[in-house]
């Protein structure tokens, strides 16, 4: 019997990464209420005042709190 190598199964072509990424859903938009927007603005204002007084670490914390409430600002 002649040596026969087993046949490899044919692989179907896989879609390109770009095609796969295009089919993924995008991020879900966040609805920002006027109350949340006002809260965020107060945190941003407070962060600005605190930074001007020379406490940048606390100012960053206040700024991040504002971004949690309104990330688009």
PDB file of N, CA and C in Angstrom:
ATOM      1  N   UNK A   1       0.836  -1.168   0.000  1.00  0.00           N
ATOM      2  CA  UNK A   1       0.000   0.000   0.000  1.00  0.00           C
ATOM      3  C   UNK A   1       0.887   1.239   0.000  1.00  0.00           C
ATOM      4  N   UNK A   2       0.674   2.143  -0.913  1.00  0.00           N
ATOM      5  CA  UNK A   2       1.512   3.340  -0.960  1.00  0.00           C
ATOM      6  C   UNK A   2       1.222   4.238   0.244  1.00  0.00           C
ATOM      7  N   UNK A   3       2.268   4.968   0.631  1.00  0.00           N
ATOM      8  CA  UNK A   3       2.088   5.907   1.746  1.00  0.00           C
ATOM      9  C   UNK A   3       1.143   7.023   1.325  1.00  0.00           C
ATOM     10  N   UNK A   4       0.091   7.130   2.043  1.00  0.00           N
ATOM     11  CA  UNK A   4      -0.855   8.211   1.782  1.00  0.00           C
ATOM     12  C   UNK A   4      -0.987   9.031   3.057  1.00  0.00           C
ATOM     13  N   UNK A   5      -0.815  10.300   2.898  1.00  0.00           N
ATOM     14  CA  UNK A   5      -0.992  11.183   4.040  1.00  0.00           C
ATOM     15  C   UNK A   5      -2.471  11.532   4.143  1.00  0.00           C
ATOM     16  N   UNK A   6      -2.959  11.625   5.370  1.00  0.00           N
ATOM     17  CA  UNK A   6      -4.366  11.996   5.508  1.00  0.00           C
ATOM     18  C   UNK A   6      -4.600  13.400   4.965  1.00  0.00           C
ATOM     19  N   UNK A   7      -5.729  13.543   4.328  1.00  0.00           N
ATOM     20  CA  UNK A   7      -6.062  14.846   3.761  1.00  0.00           C
ATOM     21  C   UNK A   7      -6.443  15.808   4.879  1.00  0.00           C
ATOM     22  N   UNK A   8      -5.952  17.025   4.741  1.00  0.00           N
ATOM     23  CA  UNK A   8      -6.300  18.059   5.709  1.00  0.00           C
ATOM     24  C   UNK A   8      -7.676  18.611   5.343  1.00  0.00           C
ATOM     25  N   UNK A   9      -8.514  18.829   6.338  1.00  0.00           N
ATOM     26  CA  UNK A   9      -9.815  19.415   6.016  1.00  0.00           C
ATOM     27  C   UNK A   9      -9.626  20.841   5.498  1.00  0.00           C
ATOM     28  N   UNK A  10     -10.440  21.180   4.540  1.00  0.00           N
ATOM     29  CA  UNK A  10     -10.362  22.529   3.992  1.00  0.00           C
ATOM     30  C   UNK A  10     -10.910  23.513   5.011  1.00  0.00           C
ATOM     31  N   UNK A  11     -10.165  24.592   5.163  1.00  0.00           N
ATOM     32  CA  UNK A  11     -10.612  25.628   6.089  1.00  0.00           C
ATOM     33  C   UNK A  11     -11.344  26.697   5.305  1.00  0.00           C
ATOM     34  N   UNK A  12     -12.455  27.122   5.881  1.00  0.00           N
ATOM     35  CA  UNK A  12     -13.170  28.213   5.225  1.00  0.00           C
ATOM     36  C   UNK A  12     -12.440  29.513   5.535  1.00  0.00           C
ATOM     37  N   UNK A  13     -12.428  30.422   4.601  1.00  0.00           N
ATOM     38  CA  UNK A  13     -11.715  31.681   4.847  1.00  0.00           C
ATOM     39  C   UNK A  13     -12.386  32.451   5.986  1.00  0.00           C
ATOM     40  N   UNK A  14     -11.562  32.924   6.909  1.00  0.00           N
ATOM     41  CA  UNK A  14     -12.106  33.689   8.026  1.00  0.00           C
ATOM     42  C   UNK A  14     -12.226  35.147   7.613  1.00  0.00           C
ATOM     43  N   UNK A  15     -13.266  35.806   8.110  1.00  0.00           N
ATOM     44  CA  UNK A  15     -13.416  37.224   7.764  1.00  0.00           C
ATOM     45  C   UNK A  15     -12.252  38.042   8.321  1.00  0.00           C
ATOM     46  N   UNK A  16     -11.934  39.087   7.642  1.00  0.00           N
ATOM     47  CA  UNK A  16     -10.875  39.973   8.084  1.00  0.00           C
ATOM     48  C   UNK A  16     -11.282  40.658   9.385  1.00  0.00           C
ATOM     49  N   UNK A  17     -10.298  41.072  10.153  1.00  0.00           N
ATOM     50  CA  UNK A  17     -10.551  41.714  11.440  1.00  0.00           C
ATOM     51  C   UNK A  17     -11.413  42.962  11.268  1.00  0.00           C
ATOM     52  N   UNK A  18     -11.161  43.725  10.220  1.00  0.00           N
ATOM     53  CA  UNK A  18     -11.938  44.941   9.992  1.00  0.00           C
ATOM     54  C   UNK A  18     -13.423  44.617   9.815  1.00  0.00           C
ATOM     55  N   UNK A  19     -13.705  43.538   9.087  1.00  0.00           N
ATOM     56  CA  UNK A  19     -15.096  43.137   8.881  1.00  0.00           C
ATOM     57  C   UNK A  19     -15.744  42.732  10.198  1.00  0.00           C
ATOM     58  N   UNK A  20     -14.986  42.046  11.035  1.00  0.00           N
ATOM     59  CA  UNK A  20     -15.519  41.628  12.327  1.00  0.00           C
ATOM     60  C   UNK A  20     -15.799  42.842  13.204  1.00  0.00           C
ATOM     61  N   UNK A  21     -14.898  43.815  13.196  1.00  0.00           N
ATOM     62  CA  UNK A  21     -15.084  44.999  14.028  1.00  0.00           C
ATOM     63  C   UNK A  21     -16.278  45.827  13.577  1.00  0.00           C
ATOM     64  N   UNK A  22     -16.503  45.897  12.268  1.00  0.00           N
ATOM     65  CA  UNK A  22     -17.631  46.673  11.756  1.00  0.00           C
ATOM     66  C   UNK A  22     -18.963  46.079  12.182  1.00  0.00           C
ATOM     67  N   UNK A  23     -19.003  44.784  12.421  1.00  0.00           N
ATOM     68  CA  UNK A  23     -20.269  44.152  12.778  1.00  0.00           C
ATOM     69  C   UNK A  23     -20.575  44.256  14.269  1.00  0.00           C
ATOM     70  N   UNK A  24     -19.608  44.722  15.075  1.00  0.00           N
ATOM     71  CA  UNK A  24     -19.853  44.860  16.510  1.00  0.00           C
ATOM     72  C   UNK A  24     -20.702  46.095  16.792  1.00  0.00           C
ATOM     73  N   UNK A  25     -21.589  45.992  17.777  1.00  0.00           N
ATOM     74  CA  UNK A  25     -22.381  47.178  18.120  1.00  0.00           C
ATOM     75  C   UNK A  25     -21.503  48.217  18.810  1.00  0.00           C
ATOM     76  N   UNK A  26     -21.849  49.466  18.645  1.00  0.00           N
ATOM     77  CA  UNK A  26     -21.105  50.548  19.284  1.00  0.00           C
ATOM     78  C   UNK A  26     -21.544  50.742  20.722  1.00  0.00           C
ATOM     79  N   UNK A  27     -20.934  51.706  21.392  1.00  0.00           N
ATOM     80  CA  UNK A  27     -21.314  51.957  22.780  1.00  0.00           C
ATOM     81  C   UNK A  27     -22.734  52.512  22.867  1.00  0.00           C
ATOM     82  N   UNK A  28     -23.379  52.199  23.951  1.00  0.00           N
ATOM     83  CA  UNK A  28     -24.737  52.685  24.173  1.00  0.00           C
ATOM     84  C   UNK A  28     -24.646  54.105  24.718  1.00  0.00           C
ATOM     85  N   UNK A  29     -25.321  55.068  24.085  1.00  0.00           N
ATOM     86  CA  UNK A  29     -25.261  56.436  24.591  1.00  0.00           C
ATOM     87  C   UNK A  29     -25.892  56.546  25.980  1.00  0.00           C
ATOM     88  N   UNK A  30     -25.292  57.382  26.802  1.00  0.00           N
ATOM     89  CA  UNK A  30     -25.787  57.592  28.159  1.00  0.00           C
ATOM     90  C   UNK A  30     -26.686  58.823  28.161  1.00  0.00           C
ATOM     91  N   UNK A  31     -27.846  58.676  28.758  1.00  0.00           N
ATOM     92  CA  UNK A  31     -28.770  59.804  28.881  1.00  0.00           C
ATOM     93  C   UNK A  31     -28.368  60.607  30.115  1.00  0.00           C
ATOM     94  N   UNK A  32     -27.980  61.861  29.920  1.00  0.00           N
ATOM     95  CA  UNK A  32     -27.587  62.736  31.021  1.00  0.00           C
ATOM     96  C   UNK A  32     -28.772  63.638  31.350  1.00  0.00           C
ATOM     97  N   UNK A  33     -29.269  63.497  32.567  1.00  0.00           N
ATOM     98  CA  UNK A  33     -30.392  64.335  32.998  1.00  0.00           C
ATOM     99  C   UNK A  33     -29.872  65.734  33.325  1.00  0.00           C
ATOM    100  N   UNK A  34     -30.742  66.728  33.274  1.00  0.00           N
ATOM    101  CA  UNK A  34     -30.319  68.079  33.669  1.00  0.00           C
ATOM    102  C   UNK A  34     -29.769  68.117  35.099  1.00  0.00           C
ATOM    103  N   UNK A  35     -30.333  67.305  35.982  1.00  0.00           N
ATOM    104  CA  UNK A  35     -29.851  67.262  37.362  1.00  0.00           C
ATOM    105  C   UNK A  35     -28.403  66.755  37.411  1.00  0.00           C
ATOM    106  N   UNK A  36     -28.113  65.695  36.664  1.00  0.00           N
ATOM    107  CA  UNK A  36     -26.747  65.157  36.627  1.00  0.00           C
ATOM    108  C   UNK A  36     -25.779  66.176  36.018  1.00  0.00           C
ATOM    109  N   UNK A  37     -26.235  66.879  34.983  1.00  0.00           N
ATOM    110  CA  UNK A  37     -25.388  67.888  34.339  1.00  0.00           C
ATOM    111  C   UNK A  37     -25.060  69.016  35.321  1.00  0.00           C
ATOM    112  N   UNK A  38     -26.063  69.442  36.096  1.00  0.00           N
ATOM    113  CA  UNK A  38     -25.837  70.486  37.105  1.00  0.00           C
ATOM    114  C   UNK A  38     -24.873  70.005  38.183  1.00  0.00           C
ATOM    115  N   UNK A  39     -25.049  68.768  38.631  1.00  0.00           N
ATOM    116  CA  UNK A  39     -24.139  68.212  39.638  1.00  0.00           C
ATOM    117  C   UNK A  39     -22.708  68.183  39.107  1.00  0.00           C
ATOM    118  N   UNK A  40     -22.570  67.747  37.870  1.00  0.00           N
ATOM    119  CA  UNK A  40     -21.238  67.678  37.269  1.00  0.00           C
ATOM    120  C   UNK A  40     -20.606  69.060  37.208  1.00  0.00           C
ATOM    121  N   UNK A  41     -21.384  70.058  36.806  1.00  0.00           N
ATOM    122  CA  UNK A  41     -20.850  71.418  36.706  1.00  0.00           C
ATOM    123  C   UNK A  41     -20.381  71.930  38.062  1.00  0.00           C
ATOM    124  N   UNK A  42     -21.108  71.591  39.120  1.00  0.00           N
ATOM    125  CA  UNK A  42     -20.695  71.999  40.471  1.00  0.00           C
ATOM    126  C   UNK A  42     -19.363  71.351  40.852  1.00  0.00           C
ATOM    127  N   UNK A  43     -19.191  70.088  40.492  1.00  0.00           N
ATOM    128  CA  UNK A  43     -17.916  69.425  40.766  1.00  0.00           C
ATOM    129  C   UNK A  43     -16.781  70.072  39.967  1.00  0.00           C
ATOM    130  N   UNK A  44     -17.039  70.414  38.703  1.00  0.00           N
ATOM    131  CA  UNK A  44     -16.006  71.047  37.886  1.00  0.00           C
ATOM    132  C   UNK A  44     -15.628  72.414  38.450  1.00  0.00           C
ATOM    133  N   UNK A  45     -16.633  73.193  38.859  1.00  0.00           N
ATOM    134  CA  UNK A  45     -16.362  74.507  39.446  1.00  0.00           C
ATOM    135  C   UNK A  45     -15.551  74.370  40.729  1.00  0.00           C
ATOM    136  N   UNK A  46     -15.947  73.412  41.552  1.00  0.00           N
ATOM    137  CA  UNK A  46     -15.234  73.175  42.816  1.00  0.00           C
ATOM    138  C   UNK A  46     -13.798  72.726  42.530  1.00  0.00           C
ATOM    139  N   UNK A  47     -13.614  71.875  41.541  1.00  0.00           N
ATOM    140  CA  UNK A  47     -12.268  71.414  41.178  1.00  0.00           C
ATOM    141  C   UNK A  47     -11.390  72.589  40.760  1.00  0.00           C
ATOM    142  N   UNK A  48     -11.953  73.511  39.992  1.00  0.00           N
ATOM    143  CA  UNK A  48     -11.192  74.678  39.538  1.00  0.00           C
ATOM    144  C   UNK A  48     -10.756  75.536  40.738  1.00  0.00           C
ATOM    145  N   UNK A  49     -11.679  75.760  41.680  1.00  0.00           N
ATOM    146  CA  UNK A  49     -11.354  76.555  42.869  1.00  0.00           C
ATOM    147  C   UNK A  49     -10.278  75.872  43.716  1.00  0.00           C
ATOM    148  N   UNK A  50     -10.420  74.579  43.910  1.00  0.00           N
ATOM    149  CA  UNK A  50      -9.464  73.833  44.732  1.00  0.00           C
ATOM    150  C   UNK A  50      -8.079  73.832  44.085  1.00  0.00           C
ATOM    151  N   UNK A  51      -8.037  73.674  42.777  1.00  0.00           N
ATOM    152  CA  UNK A  51      -6.749  73.690  42.076  1.00  0.00           C
ATOM    153  C   UNK A  51      -6.087  75.057  42.207  1.00  0.00           C
ATOM    154  N   UNK A  52      -6.875  76.124  42.126  1.00  0.00           N
ATOM    155  CA  UNK A  52      -6.331  77.474  42.259  1.00  0.00           C
ATOM    156  C   UNK A  52      -5.768  77.712  43.660  1.00  0.00           C
ATOM    157  N   UNK A  53      -6.287  77.001  44.641  1.00  0.00           N
ATOM    158  CA  UNK A  53      -5.800  77.141  46.022  1.00  0.00           C
ATOM    159  C   UNK A  53      -4.595  76.242  46.308  1.00  0.00           C
ATOM    160  N   UNK A  54      -4.181  75.466  45.319  1.00  0.00           N
ATOM    161  CA  UNK A  54      -2.951  74.696  45.474  1.00  0.00           C
ATOM    162  C   UNK A  54      -3.116  73.268  45.961  1.00  0.00           C
ATOM    163  N   UNK A  55      -4.288  72.681  45.739  1.00  0.00           N
ATOM    164  CA  UNK A  55      -4.493  71.292  46.152  1.00  0.00           C
ATOM    165  C   UNK A  55      -4.881  70.460  44.920  1.00  0.00           C
ATOM    166  N   UNK A  56      -3.914  70.174  44.047  1.00  0.00           N
ATOM    167  CA  UNK A  56      -4.244  69.502  42.786  1.00  0.00           C
ATOM    168  C   UNK A  56      -4.787  68.083  42.953  1.00  0.00           C
ATOM    169  N   UNK A  57      -4.346  67.363  43.971  1.00  0.00           N
ATOM    170  CA  UNK A  57      -4.831  65.988  44.151  1.00  0.00           C
ATOM    171  C   UNK A  57      -6.336  65.962  44.419  1.00  0.00           C
ATOM    172  N   UNK A  58      -6.772  66.837  45.312  1.00  0.00           N
ATOM    173  CA  UNK A  58      -8.207  66.899  45.621  1.00  0.00           C
ATOM    174  C   UNK A  58      -8.988  67.455  44.427  1.00  0.00           C
ATOM    175  N   UNK A  59      -8.379  68.380  43.699  1.00  0.00           N
ATOM    176  CA  UNK A  59      -9.029  68.934  42.512  1.00  0.00           C
ATOM    177  C   UNK A  59      -9.278  67.840  41.471  1.00  0.00           C
ATOM    178  N   UNK A  60      -8.319  66.955  41.301  1.00  0.00           N
ATOM    179  CA  UNK A  60      -8.487  65.848  40.350  1.00  0.00           C
ATOM    180  C   UNK A  60      -9.629  64.944  40.791  1.00  0.00           C
ATOM    181  N   UNK A  61      -9.729  64.684  42.090  1.00  0.00           N
ATOM    182  CA  UNK A  61     -10.835  63.863  42.597  1.00  0.00           C
ATOM    183  C   UNK A  61     -12.184  64.510  42.280  1.00  0.00           C
ATOM    184  N   UNK A  62     -12.274  65.819  42.472  1.00  0.00           N
ATOM    185  CA  UNK A  62     -13.524  66.530  42.186  1.00  0.00           C
ATOM    186  C   UNK A  62     -13.829  66.499  40.686  1.00  0.00           C
ATOM    187  N   UNK A  63     -12.800  66.675  39.877  1.00  0.00           N
ATOM    188  CA  UNK A  63     -12.990  66.637  38.433  1.00  0.00           C
ATOM    189  C   UNK A  63     -13.490  65.260  37.992  1.00  0.00           C
ATOM    190  N   UNK A  64     -12.919  64.199  38.552  1.00  0.00           N
ATOM    191  CA  UNK A  64     -13.356  62.843  38.205  1.00  0.00           C
ATOM    192  C   UNK A  64     -14.796  62.594  38.639  1.00  0.00           C
ATOM    193  N   UNK A  65     -15.186  63.143  39.783  1.00  0.00           N
ATOM    194  CA  UNK A  65     -16.584  63.020  40.223  1.00  0.00           C
ATOM    195  C   UNK A  65     -17.515  63.686  39.212  1.00  0.00           C
ATOM    196  N   UNK A  66     -17.102  64.818  38.693  1.00  0.00           N
ATOM    197  CA  UNK A  66     -17.898  65.493  37.670  1.00  0.00           C
ATOM    198  C   UNK A  66     -18.014  64.662  36.403  1.00  0.00           C
ATOM    199  N   UNK A  67     -16.912  64.041  36.009  1.00  0.00           N
ATOM    200  CA  UNK A  67     -16.934  63.208  34.802  1.00  0.00           C
ATOM    201  C   UNK A  67     -17.808  61.972  34.969  1.00  0.00           C
ATOM    202  N   UNK A  68     -17.895  61.454  36.186  1.00  0.00           N
ATOM    203  CA  UNK A  68     -18.789  60.314  36.420  1.00  0.00           C
ATOM    204  C   UNK A  68     -20.242  60.698  36.158  1.00  0.00           C
ATOM    205  N   UNK A  69     -20.581  61.933  36.432  1.00  0.00           N
ATOM    206  CA  UNK A  69     -21.961  62.386  36.258  1.00  0.00           C
ATOM    207  C   UNK A  69     -22.252  62.849  34.831  1.00  0.00           C
ATOM    208  N   UNK A  70     -21.239  63.394  34.163  1.00  0.00           N
ATOM    209  CA  UNK A  70     -21.422  63.860  32.786  1.00  0.00           C
ATOM    210  C   UNK A  70     -20.116  63.673  32.017  1.00  0.00           C
ATOM    211  N   UNK A  71     -19.897  62.488  31.445  1.00  0.00           N
ATOM    212  CA  UNK A  71     -18.628  62.207  30.772  1.00  0.00           C
ATOM    213  C   UNK A  71     -18.399  62.997  29.488  1.00  0.00           C
ATOM    214  N   UNK A  72     -19.429  63.619  28.942  1.00  0.00           N
ATOM    215  CA  UNK A  72     -19.275  64.367  27.695  1.00  0.00           C
ATOM    216  C   UNK A  72     -18.806  65.794  27.914  1.00  0.00           C
ATOM    217  N   UNK A  73     -18.758  66.233  29.156  1.00  0.00           N
ATOM    218  CA  UNK A  73     -18.389  67.620  29.446  1.00  0.00           C
ATOM    219  C   UNK A  73     -16.903  67.796  29.418  1.00  0.00           C
TER     220      UNK A  73
END
